[in-house]
Amino acid sequence: MPSEFLVIFQYHEPEPFHQFEQGMLEEYESTTGIYIDAETENEAQKWAEAIASELLKHCNADVHLNWNQFKYSCWVEHHPDESPWSHCLDFFQHVRVGQLPVLDGMDSTAYLSWSASQPR
């Protein structure tokens, strides 16, 4: 029986990466998450890695970027309501294994827009 898993992963966007390369930032990684309906936790995590790779390429407009070469992390958040993500769980999209999310809805610009629309 499938279950829904919240999977969090790292990637980067072009401006922070450029600032890192120029020595202006010490860290450039961004982090986001996605709910994945999967048979197993491992299956959800593997699909999230595929999504992370697509998001990295999309945000940077570079189909040659390889998510694995950056050694980014990807993990299942076992207790979302008690996690550092509890304030933004509604931001994360829901997909099934094999289904891509709306990539424009996952980056920091989308998060800022979503955050501004939330009640204070």
PDB file of N, CA and C in Angstrom:
ATOM      1  N   MET A   1       0.837  -1.178   0.000  1.00  0.00           N
ATOM      2  CA  MET A   1       0.000   0.000   0.000  1.00  0.00           C
ATOM      3  C   MET A   1       0.884   1.245   0.000  1.00  0.00           C
ATOM      4  N   PRO A   2       0.669   2.147  -0.955  1.00  0.00           N
ATOM      5  CA  PRO A   2       1.497   3.361  -1.026  1.00  0.00           C
ATOM      6  C   PRO A   2       1.309   4.253   0.194  1.00  0.00           C
ATOM      7  N   SER A   3       2.340   4.991   0.484  1.00  0.00           N
ATOM      8  CA  SER A   3       2.328   5.987   1.553  1.00  0.00           C
ATOM      9  C   SER A   3       2.887   7.277   0.991  1.00  0.00           C
ATOM     10  N   GLU A   4       2.609   8.370   1.668  1.00  0.00           N
ATOM     11  CA  GLU A   4       3.159   9.643   1.252  1.00  0.00           C
ATOM     12  C   GLU A   4       4.318  10.009   2.167  1.00  0.00           C
ATOM     13  N   PHE A   5       5.435  10.351   1.558  1.00  0.00           N
ATOM     14  CA  PHE A   5       6.651  10.697   2.287  1.00  0.00           C
ATOM     15  C   PHE A   5       7.040  12.134   1.948  1.00  0.00           C
ATOM     16  N   LEU A   6       7.442  12.884   2.966  1.00  0.00           N
ATOM     17  CA  LEU A   6       8.015  14.202   2.719  1.00  0.00           C
ATOM     18  C   LEU A   6       9.516  14.004   2.561  1.00  0.00           C
ATOM     19  N   VAL A   7      10.014  14.370   1.390  1.00  0.00           N
ATOM     20  CA  VAL A   7      11.436  14.233   1.111  1.00  0.00           C
ATOM     21  C   VAL A   7      12.017  15.639   0.910  1.00  0.00           C
ATOM     22  N   ILE A   8      13.092  15.905   1.612  1.00  0.00           N
ATOM     23  CA  ILE A   8      13.781  17.195   1.561  1.00  0.00           C
ATOM     24  C   ILE A   8      15.077  16.999   0.778  1.00  0.00           C
ATOM     25  N   PHE A   9      15.439  17.994  -0.026  1.00  0.00           N
ATOM     26  CA  PHE A   9      16.691  17.872  -0.777  1.00  0.00           C
ATOM     27  C   PHE A   9      17.341  19.234  -0.999  1.00  0.00           C
ATOM     28  N   GLN A  10      18.634  19.172  -1.267  1.00  0.00           N
ATOM     29  CA  GLN A  10      19.427  20.359  -1.563  1.00  0.00           C
ATOM     30  C   GLN A  10      19.588  20.531  -3.072  1.00  0.00           C
ATOM     31  N   TYR A  11      19.802  21.753  -3.465  1.00  0.00           N
ATOM     32  CA  TYR A  11      20.117  22.115  -4.853  1.00  0.00           C
ATOM     33  C   TYR A  11      20.712  23.522  -4.782  1.00  0.00           C
ATOM     34  N   HIS A  12      20.991  24.148  -5.910  1.00  0.00           N
ATOM     35  CA  HIS A  12      21.409  25.544  -5.861  1.00  0.00           C
ATOM     36  C   HIS A  12      20.788  26.332  -7.004  1.00  0.00           C
ATOM     37  N   GLU A  13      20.718  27.630  -6.775  1.00  0.00           N
ATOM     38  CA  GLU A  13      20.213  28.570  -7.761  1.00  0.00           C
ATOM     39  C   GLU A  13      21.389  29.391  -8.265  1.00  0.00           C
ATOM     40  N   PRO A  14      21.268  29.994  -9.435  1.00  0.00           N
ATOM     41  CA  PRO A  14      22.443  30.625 -10.059  1.00  0.00           C
ATOM     42  C   PRO A  14      23.072  31.779  -9.292  1.00  0.00           C
ATOM     43  N   GLU A  15      22.287  32.691  -8.753  1.00  0.00           N
ATOM     44  CA  GLU A  15      22.871  33.869  -8.114  1.00  0.00           C
ATOM     45  C   GLU A  15      23.698  33.508  -6.865  1.00  0.00           C
ATOM     46  N   PRO A  16      23.162  32.722  -5.933  1.00  0.00           N
ATOM     47  CA  PRO A  16      24.005  32.358  -4.783  1.00  0.00           C
ATOM     48  C   PRO A  16      25.254  31.571  -5.198  1.00  0.00           C
ATOM     49  N   PHE A  17      25.124  30.723  -6.215  1.00  0.00           N
ATOM     50  CA  PHE A  17      26.281  29.955  -6.674  1.00  0.00           C
ATOM     51  C   PHE A  17      27.340  30.888  -7.250  1.00  0.00           C
ATOM     52  N   HIS A  18      26.915  31.868  -8.031  1.00  0.00           N
ATOM     53  CA  HIS A  18      27.846  32.853  -8.595  1.00  0.00           C
ATOM     54  C   HIS A  18      28.543  33.639  -7.473  1.00  0.00           C
ATOM     55  N   GLN A  19      27.776  34.055  -6.475  1.00  0.00           N
ATOM     56  CA  GLN A  19      28.364  34.781  -5.347  1.00  0.00           C
ATOM     57  C   GLN A  19      29.356  33.908  -4.590  1.00  0.00           C
ATOM     58  N   PHE A  20      29.072  32.627  -4.470  1.00  0.00           N
ATOM     59  CA  PHE A  20      30.001  31.687  -3.836  1.00  0.00           C
ATOM     60  C   PHE A  20      31.298  31.609  -4.640  1.00  0.00           C
ATOM     61  N   GLU A  21      31.164  31.477  -5.953  1.00  0.00           N
ATOM     62  CA  GLU A  21      32.347  31.397  -6.810  1.00  0.00           C
ATOM     63  C   GLU A  21      33.202  32.666  -6.729  1.00  0.00           C
ATOM     64  N   GLN A  22      32.576  33.796  -6.454  1.00  0.00           N
ATOM     65  CA  GLN A  22      33.285  35.074  -6.338  1.00  0.00           C
ATOM     66  C   GLN A  22      33.829  35.307  -4.922  1.00  0.00           C
ATOM     67  N   GLY A  23      33.590  34.359  -4.026  1.00  0.00           N
ATOM     68  CA  GLY A  23      34.056  34.485  -2.658  1.00  0.00           C
ATOM     69  C   GLY A  23      33.184  35.359  -1.779  1.00  0.00           C
ATOM     70  N   MET A  24      31.976  35.657  -2.229  1.00  0.00           N
ATOM     71  CA  MET A  24      31.083  36.542  -1.481  1.00  0.00           C
ATOM     72  C   MET A  24      30.202  35.781  -0.483  1.00  0.00           C
ATOM     73  N   LEU A  25      30.018  34.500  -0.695  1.00  0.00           N
ATOM     74  CA  LEU A  25      29.216  33.651   0.203  1.00  0.00           C
ATOM     75  C   LEU A  25      30.016  32.426   0.581  1.00  0.00           C
ATOM     76  N   GLU A  26      29.767  31.926   1.773  1.00  0.00           N
ATOM     77  CA  GLU A  26      30.406  30.678   2.188  1.00  0.00           C
ATOM     78  C   GLU A  26      29.559  29.466   1.835  1.00  0.00           C
ATOM     79  N   GLU A  27      28.239  29.665   1.762  1.00  0.00           N
ATOM     80  CA  GLU A  27      27.326  28.578   1.412  1.00  0.00           C
ATOM     81  C   GLU A  27      26.354  29.077   0.363  1.00  0.00           C
ATOM     82  N   TYR A  28      26.040  28.232  -0.572  1.00  0.00           N
ATOM     83  CA  TYR A  28      25.170  28.641  -1.670  1.00  0.00           C
ATOM     84  C   TYR A  28      23.969  27.712  -1.857  1.00  0.00           C
ATOM     85  N   GLU A  29      23.908  26.648  -1.102  1.00  0.00           N
ATOM     86  CA  GLU A  29      22.863  25.660  -1.299  1.00  0.00           C
ATOM     87  C   GLU A  29      21.498  26.165  -0.863  1.00  0.00           C
ATOM     88  N   SER A  30      20.492  25.732  -1.583  1.00  0.00           N
ATOM     89  CA  SER A  30      19.101  25.935  -1.209  1.00  0.00           C
ATOM     90  C   SER A  30      18.528  24.570  -0.849  1.00  0.00           C
ATOM     91  N   THR A  31      17.425  24.585  -0.139  1.00  0.00           N
ATOM     92  CA  THR A  31      16.776  23.343   0.260  1.00  0.00           C
ATOM     93  C   THR A  31      15.280  23.493   0.049  1.00  0.00           C
ATOM     94  N   THR A  32      14.660  22.436  -0.420  1.00  0.00           N
ATOM     95  CA  THR A  32      13.212  22.411  -0.578  1.00  0.00           C
ATOM     96  C   THR A  32      12.731  20.983  -0.346  1.00  0.00           C
ATOM     97  N   GLY A  33      11.441  20.797  -0.458  1.00  0.00           N
ATOM     98  CA  GLY A  33      10.894  19.469  -0.228  1.00  0.00           C
ATOM     99  C   GLY A  33       9.720  19.169  -1.131  1.00  0.00           C
ATOM    100  N   ILE A  34       9.340  17.908  -1.102  1.00  0.00           N
ATOM    101  CA  ILE A  34       8.199  17.453  -1.898  1.00  0.00           C
ATOM    102  C   ILE A  34       7.592  16.228  -1.227  1.00  0.00           C
ATOM    103  N   TYR A  35       6.275  16.155  -1.269  1.00  0.00           N
ATOM    104  CA  TYR A  35       5.587  14.960  -0.799  1.00  0.00           C
ATOM    105  C   TYR A  35       5.501  13.983  -1.966  1.00  0.00           C
ATOM    106  N   ILE A  36       5.915  12.749  -1.723  1.00  0.00           N
ATOM    107  CA  ILE A  36       5.894  11.740  -2.782  1.00  0.00           C
ATOM    108  C   ILE A  36       5.102  10.529  -2.318  1.00  0.00           C
ATOM    109  N   ASP A  37       4.129  10.156  -3.123  1.00  0.00           N
ATOM    110  CA  ASP A  37       3.334   8.958  -2.893  1.00  0.00           C
ATOM    111  C   ASP A  37       4.109   7.790  -3.505  1.00  0.00           C
ATOM    112  N   ALA A  38       4.550   6.866  -2.665  1.00  0.00           N
ATOM    113  CA  ALA A  38       5.402   5.768  -3.127  1.00  0.00           C
ATOM    114  C   ALA A  38       5.115   4.503  -2.333  1.00  0.00           C
ATOM    115  N   GLU A  39       5.551   3.389  -2.864  1.00  0.00           N
ATOM    116  CA  GLU A  39       5.402   2.107  -2.174  1.00  0.00           C
ATOM    117  C   GLU A  39       6.335   2.021  -0.967  1.00  0.00           C
ATOM    118  N   THR A  40       7.540   2.589  -1.102  1.00  0.00           N
ATOM    119  CA  THR A  40       8.525   2.506  -0.028  1.00  0.00           C
ATOM    120  C   THR A  40       9.230   3.854   0.154  1.00  0.00           C
ATOM    121  N   GLU A  41       9.832   4.014   1.295  1.00  0.00           N
ATOM    122  CA  GLU A  41      10.625   5.205   1.582  1.00  0.00           C
ATOM    123  C   GLU A  41      11.777   5.337   0.594  1.00  0.00           C
ATOM    124  N   ASN A  42      12.431   4.223   0.295  1.00  0.00           N
ATOM    125  CA  ASN A  42      13.552   4.240  -0.644  1.00  0.00           C
ATOM    126  C   ASN A  42      13.102   4.687  -2.031  1.00  0.00           C
ATOM    127  N   GLU A  43      11.952   4.204  -2.474  1.00  0.00           N
ATOM    128  CA  GLU A  43      11.420   4.599  -3.771  1.00  0.00           C
ATOM    129  C   GLU A  43      11.127   6.107  -3.796  1.00  0.00           C
ATOM    130  N   ALA A  44      10.564   6.622  -2.716  1.00  0.00           N
ATOM    131  CA  ALA A  44      10.278   8.055  -2.621  1.00  0.00           C
ATOM    132  C   ALA A  44      11.570   8.862  -2.672  1.00  0.00           C
ATOM    133  N   GLN A  45      12.567   8.422  -1.957  1.00  0.00           N
ATOM    134  CA  GLN A  45      13.837   9.147  -1.928  1.00  0.00           C
ATOM    135  C   GLN A  45      14.503   9.127  -3.299  1.00  0.00           C
ATOM    136  N   LYS A  46      14.475   8.003  -3.976  1.00  0.00           N
ATOM    137  CA  LYS A  46      15.078   7.918  -5.313  1.00  0.00           C
ATOM    138  C   LYS A  46      14.356   8.849  -6.290  1.00  0.00           C
ATOM    139  N   TRP A  47      13.011   8.909  -6.207  1.00  0.00           N
ATOM    140  CA  TRP A  47      12.283   9.798  -7.097  1.00  0.00           C
ATOM    141  C   TRP A  47      12.574  11.265  -6.752  1.00  0.00           C
ATOM    142  N   ALA A  48      12.715  11.563  -5.478  1.00  0.00           N
ATOM    143  CA  ALA A  48      13.061  12.928  -5.072  1.00  0.00           C
ATOM    144  C   ALA A  48      14.425  13.328  -5.628  1.00  0.00           C
ATOM    145  N   GLU A  49      15.361  12.410  -5.677  1.00  0.00           N
ATOM    146  CA  GLU A  49      16.670  12.709  -6.256  1.00  0.00           C
ATOM    147  C   GLU A  49      16.531  13.044  -7.740  1.00  0.00           C
ATOM    148  N   ALA A  50      15.642  12.344  -8.443  1.00  0.00           N
ATOM    149  CA  ALA A  50      15.398  12.653  -9.859  1.00  0.00           C
ATOM    150  C   ALA A  50      14.770  14.041  -9.998  1.00  0.00           C
ATOM    151  N   ILE A  51      13.834  14.367  -9.109  1.00  0.00           N
ATOM    152  CA  ILE A  51      13.218  15.697  -9.117  1.00  0.00           C
ATOM    153  C   ILE A  51      14.264  16.760  -8.801  1.00  0.00           C
ATOM    154  N   ALA A  52      15.111  16.492  -7.822  1.00  0.00           N
ATOM    155  CA  ALA A  52      16.167  17.439  -7.449  1.00  0.00           C
ATOM    156  C   ALA A  52      17.076  17.727  -8.640  1.00  0.00           C
ATOM    157  N   SER A  53      17.400  16.706  -9.388  1.00  0.00           N
ATOM    158  CA  SER A  53      18.241  16.872 -10.567  1.00  0.00           C
ATOM    159  C   SER A  53      17.553  17.758 -11.602  1.00  0.00           C
ATOM    160  N   GLU A  54      16.266  17.527 -11.818  1.00  0.00           N
ATOM    161  CA  GLU A  54      15.513  18.340 -12.776  1.00  0.00           C
ATOM    162  C   GLU A  54      15.385  19.785 -12.296  1.00  0.00           C
ATOM    163  N   LEU A  55      15.163  19.972 -11.005  1.00  0.00           N
ATOM    164  CA  LEU A  55      15.050  21.334 -10.468  1.00  0.00           C
ATOM    165  C   LEU A  55      16.374  22.086 -10.607  1.00  0.00           C
ATOM    166  N   LEU A  56      17.480  21.428 -10.319  1.00  0.00           N
ATOM    167  CA  LEU A  56      18.803  22.045 -10.459  1.00  0.00           C
ATOM    168  C   LEU A  56      19.017  22.511 -11.896  1.00  0.00           C
ATOM    169  N   LYS A  57      18.718  21.651 -12.855  1.00  0.00           N
ATOM    170  CA  LYS A  57      18.884  22.004 -14.268  1.00  0.00           C
ATOM    171  C   LYS A  57      17.950  23.149 -14.649  1.00  0.00           C
ATOM    172  N   HIS A  58      16.714  23.070 -14.183  1.00  0.00           N
ATOM    173  CA  HIS A  58      15.705  24.077 -14.514  1.00  0.00           C
ATOM    174  C   HIS A  58      16.081  25.451 -13.949  1.00  0.00           C
ATOM    175  N   CYS A  59      16.399  25.510 -12.683  1.00  0.00           N
ATOM    176  CA  CYS A  59      16.727  26.792 -12.034  1.00  0.00           C
ATOM    177  C   CYS A  59      17.940  27.456 -12.648  1.00  0.00           C
ATOM    178  N   ASN A  60      18.874  26.661 -13.089  1.00  0.00           N
ATOM    179  CA  ASN A  60      20.124  27.183 -13.622  1.00  0.00           C
ATOM    180  C   ASN A  60      20.148  27.245 -15.150  1.00  0.00           C
ATOM    181  N   ALA A  61      19.046  26.832 -15.775  1.00  0.00           N
ATOM    182  CA  ALA A  61      18.948  26.809 -17.238  1.00  0.00           C
ATOM    183  C   ALA A  61      20.163  26.124 -17.859  1.00  0.00           C
ATOM    184  N   ASP A  62      20.504  24.963 -17.292  1.00  0.00           N
ATOM    185  CA  ASP A  62      21.679  24.217 -17.757  1.00  0.00           C
ATOM    186  C   ASP A  62      21.390  22.718 -17.675  1.00  0.00           C
ATOM    187  N   VAL A  63      21.071  22.125 -18.812  1.00  0.00           N
ATOM    188  CA  VAL A  63      20.721  20.700 -18.837  1.00  0.00           C
ATOM    189  C   VAL A  63      21.920  19.792 -18.561  1.00  0.00           C
ATOM    190  N   HIS A  64      23.109  20.358 -18.514  1.00  0.00           N
ATOM    191  CA  HIS A  64      24.311  19.558 -18.294  1.00  0.00           C
ATOM    192  C   HIS A  64      24.701  19.427 -16.827  1.00  0.00           C
ATOM    193  N   LEU A  65      24.033  20.159 -15.941  1.00  0.00           N
ATOM    194  CA  LEU A  65      24.358  20.050 -14.516  1.00  0.00           C
ATOM    195  C   LEU A  65      23.997  18.658 -14.005  1.00  0.00           C
ATOM    196  N   ASN A  66      24.844  18.162 -13.135  1.00  0.00           N
ATOM    197  CA  ASN A  66      24.639  16.827 -12.570  1.00  0.00           C
ATOM    198  C   ASN A  66      24.480  16.990 -11.054  1.00  0.00           C
ATOM    199  N   TRP A  67      23.262  16.761 -10.546  1.00  0.00           N
ATOM    200  CA  TRP A  67      22.957  16.912  -9.123  1.00  0.00           C
ATOM    201  C   TRP A  67      23.905  16.082  -8.267  1.00  0.00           C
ATOM    202  N   ASN A  68      24.244  14.890  -8.706  1.00  0.00           N
ATOM    203  CA  ASN A  68      25.109  13.994  -7.924  1.00  0.00           C
ATOM    204  C   ASN A  68      26.531  14.538  -7.785  1.00  0.00           C
ATOM    205  N   GLN A  69      27.020  15.265  -8.771  1.00  0.00           N
ATOM    206  CA  GLN A  69      28.395  15.771  -8.707  1.00  0.00           C
ATOM    207  C   GLN A  69      28.580  16.775  -7.574  1.00  0.00           C
ATOM    208  N   PHE A  70      27.488  17.419  -7.153  1.00  0.00           N
ATOM    209  CA  PHE A  70      27.579  18.392  -6.067  1.00  0.00           C
ATOM    210  C   PHE A  70      27.490  17.737  -4.686  1.00  0.00           C
ATOM    211  N   LYS A  71      27.224  16.448  -4.674  1.00  0.00           N
ATOM    212  CA  LYS A  71      27.128  15.676  -3.418  1.00  0.00           C
ATOM    213  C   LYS A  71      26.064  16.259  -2.483  1.00  0.00           C
ATOM    214  N   TYR A  72      24.948  16.685  -3.077  1.00  0.00           N
ATOM    215  CA  TYR A  72      23.845  17.210  -2.293  1.00  0.00           C
ATOM    216  C   TYR A  72      23.144  16.099  -1.538  1.00  0.00           C
ATOM    217  N   SER A  73      22.469  16.472  -0.475  1.00  0.00           N
ATOM    218  CA  SER A  73      21.746  15.520   0.364  1.00  0.00           C
ATOM    219  C   SER A  73      20.273  15.460  -0.019  1.00  0.00           C
ATOM    220  N   CYS A  74      19.681  14.327   0.310  1.00  0.00           N
ATOM    221  CA  CYS A  74      18.262  14.095   0.095  1.00  0.00           C
ATOM    222  C   CYS A  74      17.824  13.136   1.201  1.00  0.00           C
ATOM    223  N   TRP A  75      16.767  13.488   1.920  1.00  0.00           N
ATOM    224  CA  TRP A  75      16.355  12.635   3.027  1.00  0.00           C
ATOM    225  C   TRP A  75      14.850  12.708   3.253  1.00  0.00           C
ATOM    226  N   VAL A  76      14.323  11.647   3.840  1.00  0.00           N
ATOM    227  CA  VAL A  76      12.914  11.601   4.220  1.00  0.00           C
ATOM    228  C   VAL A  76      12.774  12.235   5.589  1.00  0.00           C
ATOM    229  N   GLU A  77      11.831  13.149   5.695  1.00  0.00           N
ATOM    230  CA  GLU A  77      11.533  13.803   6.976  1.00  0.00           C
ATOM    231  C   GLU A  77      10.433  12.977   7.638  1.00  0.00           C
ATOM    232  N   HIS A  78      10.792  12.237   8.673  1.00  0.00           N
ATOM    233  CA  HIS A  78       9.864  11.285   9.293  1.00  0.00           C
ATOM    234  C   HIS A  78       8.785  11.931  10.156  1.00  0.00           C
ATOM    235  N   HIS A  79       9.036  13.110  10.674  1.00  0.00           N
ATOM    236  CA  HIS A  79       8.065  13.795  11.536  1.00  0.00           C
ATOM    237  C   HIS A  79       7.897  15.239  11.065  1.00  0.00           C
ATOM    238  N   PRO A  80       7.246  15.429   9.900  1.00  0.00           N
ATOM    239  CA  PRO A  80       7.145  16.776   9.330  1.00  0.00           C
ATOM    240  C   PRO A  80       6.585  17.829  10.277  1.00  0.00           C
ATOM    241  N   ASP A  81       5.566  17.473  11.063  1.00  0.00           N
ATOM    242  CA  ASP A  81       4.957  18.466  11.956  1.00  0.00           C
ATOM    243  C   ASP A  81       5.884  18.927  13.069  1.00  0.00           C
ATOM    244  N   GLU A  82       6.921  18.164  13.346  1.00  0.00           N
ATOM    245  CA  GLU A  82       7.881  18.505  14.396  1.00  0.00           C
ATOM    246  C   GLU A  82       9.222  18.939  13.812  1.00  0.00           C
ATOM    247  N   SER A  83       9.277  19.102  12.514  1.00  0.00           N
ATOM    248  CA  SER A  83      10.541  19.390  11.831  1.00  0.00           C
ATOM    249  C   SER A  83      10.744  20.896  11.637  1.00  0.00           C
ATOM    250  N   PRO A  84      11.928  21.271  11.200  1.00  0.00           N
ATOM    251  CA  PRO A  84      12.164  22.679  10.863  1.00  0.00           C
ATOM    252  C   PRO A  84      11.289  23.153   9.700  1.00  0.00           C
ATOM    253  N   TRP A  85      10.623  22.238   9.039  1.00  0.00           N
ATOM    254  CA  TRP A  85       9.771  22.540   7.887  1.00  0.00           C
ATOM    255  C   TRP A  85       8.314  22.727   8.285  1.00  0.00           C
ATOM    256  N   SER A  86       7.991  22.602   9.550  1.00  0.00           N
ATOM    257  CA  SER A  86       6.591  22.622   9.981  1.00  0.00           C
ATOM    258  C   SER A  86       5.862  23.912   9.591  1.00  0.00           C
ATOM    259  N   HIS A  87       6.585  25.008   9.463  1.00  0.00           N
ATOM    260  CA  HIS A  87       5.966  26.289   9.110  1.00  0.00           C
ATOM    261  C   HIS A  87       5.591  26.395   7.628  1.00  0.00           C
ATOM    262  N   CYS A  88       6.128  25.497   6.794  1.00  0.00           N
ATOM    263  CA  CYS A  88       5.897  25.643   5.348  1.00  0.00           C
ATOM    264  C   CYS A  88       5.451  24.348   4.675  1.00  0.00           C
ATOM    265  N   LEU A  89       4.864  23.454   5.422  1.00  0.00           N
ATOM    266  CA  LEU A  89       4.439  22.175   4.843  1.00  0.00           C
ATOM    267  C   LEU A  89       3.454  22.359   3.700  1.00  0.00           C
ATOM    268  N   ASP A  90       2.622  23.399   3.780  1.00  0.00           N
ATOM    269  CA  ASP A  90       1.647  23.637   2.711  1.00  0.00           C
ATOM    270  C   ASP A  90       2.292  24.111   1.414  1.00  0.00           C
ATOM    271  N   PHE A  91       3.525  24.559   1.479  1.00  0.00           N
ATOM    272  CA  PHE A  91       4.239  24.995   0.278  1.00  0.00           C
ATOM    273  C   PHE A  91       4.625  23.811  -0.605  1.00  0.00           C
ATOM    274  N   PHE A  92       4.922  22.690   0.002  1.00  0.00           N
ATOM    275  CA  PHE A  92       5.433  21.542  -0.731  1.00  0.00           C
ATOM    276  C   PHE A  92       4.348  20.885  -1.577  1.00  0.00           C
ATOM    277  N   GLN A  93       4.704  20.594  -2.825  1.00  0.00           N
ATOM    278  CA  GLN A  93       3.780  19.942  -3.749  1.00  0.00           C
ATOM    279  C   GLN A  93       3.664  18.450  -3.430  1.00  0.00           C
ATOM    280  N   HIS A  94       2.632  17.837  -3.967  1.00  0.00           N
ATOM    281  CA  HIS A  94       2.373  16.408  -3.808  1.00  0.00           C
ATOM    282  C   HIS A  94       2.416  15.747  -5.186  1.00  0.00           C
ATOM    283  N   VAL A  95       3.227  14.697  -5.317  1.00  0.00           N
ATOM    284  CA  VAL A  95       3.318  13.950  -6.573  1.00  0.00           C
ATOM    285  C   VAL A  95       3.374  12.456  -6.271  1.00  0.00           C
ATOM    286  N   ARG A  96       3.215  11.686  -7.316  1.00  0.00           N
ATOM    287  CA  ARG A  96       3.417  10.235  -7.243  1.00  0.00           C
ATOM    288  C   ARG A  96       4.776   9.926  -7.861  1.00  0.00           C
ATOM    289  N   VAL A  97       5.337   8.781  -7.545  1.00  0.00           N
ATOM    290  CA  VAL A  97       6.572   8.357  -8.200  1.00  0.00           C
ATOM    291  C   VAL A  97       6.319   8.364  -9.707  1.00  0.00           C
ATOM    292  N   GLY A  98       7.228   8.969 -10.452  1.00  0.00           N
ATOM    293  CA  GLY A  98       7.101   9.062 -11.895  1.00  0.00           C
ATOM    294  C   GLY A  98       6.473  10.362 -12.368  1.00  0.00           C
ATOM    295  N   GLN A  99       5.951  11.139 -11.458  1.00  0.00           N
ATOM    296  CA  GLN A  99       5.292  12.406 -11.802  1.00  0.00           C
ATOM    297  C   GLN A  99       6.196  13.566 -11.391  1.00  0.00           C
ATOM    298  N   LEU A 100       6.447  14.472 -12.319  1.00  0.00           N
ATOM    299  CA  LEU A 100       7.229  15.664 -11.989  1.00  0.00           C
ATOM    300  C   LEU A 100       6.312  16.752 -11.439  1.00  0.00           C
ATOM    301  N   PRO A 101       6.777  17.498 -10.468  1.00  0.00           N
ATOM    302  CA  PRO A 101       6.020  18.648  -9.959  1.00  0.00           C
ATOM    303  C   PRO A 101       6.171  19.828 -10.906  1.00  0.00           C
ATOM    304  N   VAL A 102       5.495  20.914 -10.590  1.00  0.00           N
ATOM    305  CA  VAL A 102       5.689  22.173 -11.305  1.00  0.00           C
ATOM    306  C   VAL A 102       6.998  22.759 -10.768  1.00  0.00           C
ATOM    307  N   LEU A 103       8.039  22.686 -11.557  1.00  0.00           N
ATOM    308  CA  LEU A 103       9.364  23.104 -11.086  1.00  0.00           C
ATOM    309  C   LEU A 103       9.417  24.586 -10.730  1.00  0.00           C
ATOM    310  N   ASP A 104       8.693  25.426 -11.473  1.00  0.00           N
ATOM    311  CA  ASP A 104       8.664  26.856 -11.141  1.00  0.00           C
ATOM    312  C   ASP A 104       8.034  27.120  -9.774  1.00  0.00           C
ATOM    313  N   GLY A 105       7.349  26.145  -9.232  1.00  0.00           N
ATOM    314  CA  GLY A 105       6.714  26.294  -7.928  1.00  0.00           C
ATOM    315  C   GLY A 105       7.548  25.779  -6.778  1.00  0.00           C
ATOM    316  N   MET A 106       8.829  25.486  -7.020  1.00  0.00           N
ATOM    317  CA  MET A 106       9.671  24.890  -5.979  1.00  0.00           C
ATOM    318  C   MET A 106      10.853  25.740  -5.557  1.00  0.00           C
ATOM    319  N   ASP A 107      11.191  26.764  -6.314  1.00  0.00           N
ATOM    320  CA  ASP A 107      12.413  27.508  -6.032  1.00  0.00           C
ATOM    321  C   ASP A 107      12.187  28.606  -4.987  1.00  0.00           C
ATOM    322  N   SER A 108      13.226  29.369  -4.706  1.00  0.00           N
ATOM    323  CA  SER A 108      13.122  30.381  -3.653  1.00  0.00           C
ATOM    324  C   SER A 108      12.165  31.507  -4.035  1.00  0.00           C
ATOM    325  N   THR A 109      12.064  31.840  -5.309  1.00  0.00           N
ATOM    326  CA  THR A 109      11.110  32.863  -5.741  1.00  0.00           C
ATOM    327  C   THR A 109       9.687  32.407  -5.448  1.00  0.00           C
ATOM    328  N   ALA A 110       9.389  31.150  -5.744  1.00  0.00           N
ATOM    329  CA  ALA A 110       8.062  30.594  -5.462  1.00  0.00           C
ATOM    330  C   ALA A 110       7.803  30.578  -3.959  1.00  0.00           C
ATOM    331  N   TYR A 111       8.825  30.229  -3.188  1.00  0.00           N
ATOM    332  CA  TYR A 111       8.651  30.204  -1.740  1.00  0.00           C
ATOM    333  C   TYR A 111       8.366  31.612  -1.198  1.00  0.00           C
ATOM    334  N   LEU A 112       9.093  32.603  -1.675  1.00  0.00           N
ATOM    335  CA  LEU A 112       8.872  33.978  -1.208  1.00  0.00           C
ATOM    336  C   LEU A 112       7.463  34.447  -1.554  1.00  0.00           C
ATOM    337  N   SER A 113       6.999  34.112  -2.730  1.00  0.00           N
ATOM    338  CA  SER A 113       5.650  34.469  -3.137  1.00  0.00           C
ATOM    339  C   SER A 113       4.614  33.774  -2.260  1.00  0.00           C
ATOM    340  N   TRP A 114       4.819  32.484  -2.037  1.00  0.00           N
ATOM    341  CA  TRP A 114       3.912  31.718  -1.174  1.00  0.00           C
ATOM    342  C   TRP A 114       3.910  32.300   0.250  1.00  0.00           C
ATOM    343  N   SER A 115       5.096  32.571   0.759  1.00  0.00           N
ATOM    344  CA  SER A 115       5.240  33.081   2.119  1.00  0.00           C
ATOM    345  C   SER A 115       4.527  34.422   2.290  1.00  0.00           C
ATOM    346  N   ALA A 116       4.625  35.286   1.294  1.00  0.00           N
ATOM    347  CA  ALA A 116       3.977  36.598   1.363  1.00  0.00           C
ATOM    348  C   ALA A 116       2.452  36.472   1.391  1.00  0.00           C
ATOM    349  N   SER A 117       1.932  35.377   0.855  1.00  0.00           N
ATOM    350  CA  SER A 117       0.469  35.196   0.814  1.00  0.00           C
ATOM    351  C   SER A 117      -0.079  34.540   2.074  1.00  0.00           C
ATOM    352  N   GLN A 118       0.800  34.170   2.987  1.00  0.00           N
ATOM    353  CA  GLN A 118       0.359  33.487   4.203  1.00  0.00           C
ATOM    354  C   GLN A 118      -0.058  34.490   5.276  1.00  0.00           C
ATOM    355  N   PRO A 119      -1.092  34.144   6.046  1.00  0.00           N
ATOM    356  CA  PRO A 119      -1.486  35.037   7.139  1.00  0.00           C
ATOM    357  C   PRO A 119      -0.356  35.173   8.162  1.00  0.00           C
ATOM    358  N   ARG A 120      -0.245  36.310   8.723  1.00  0.00           N
ATOM    359  CA  ARG A 120       0.803  36.570   9.717  1.00  0.00           C
ATOM    360  C   ARG A 120       0.276  36.321  11.096  1.00  0.00           C
TER     361      ARG A 120
END
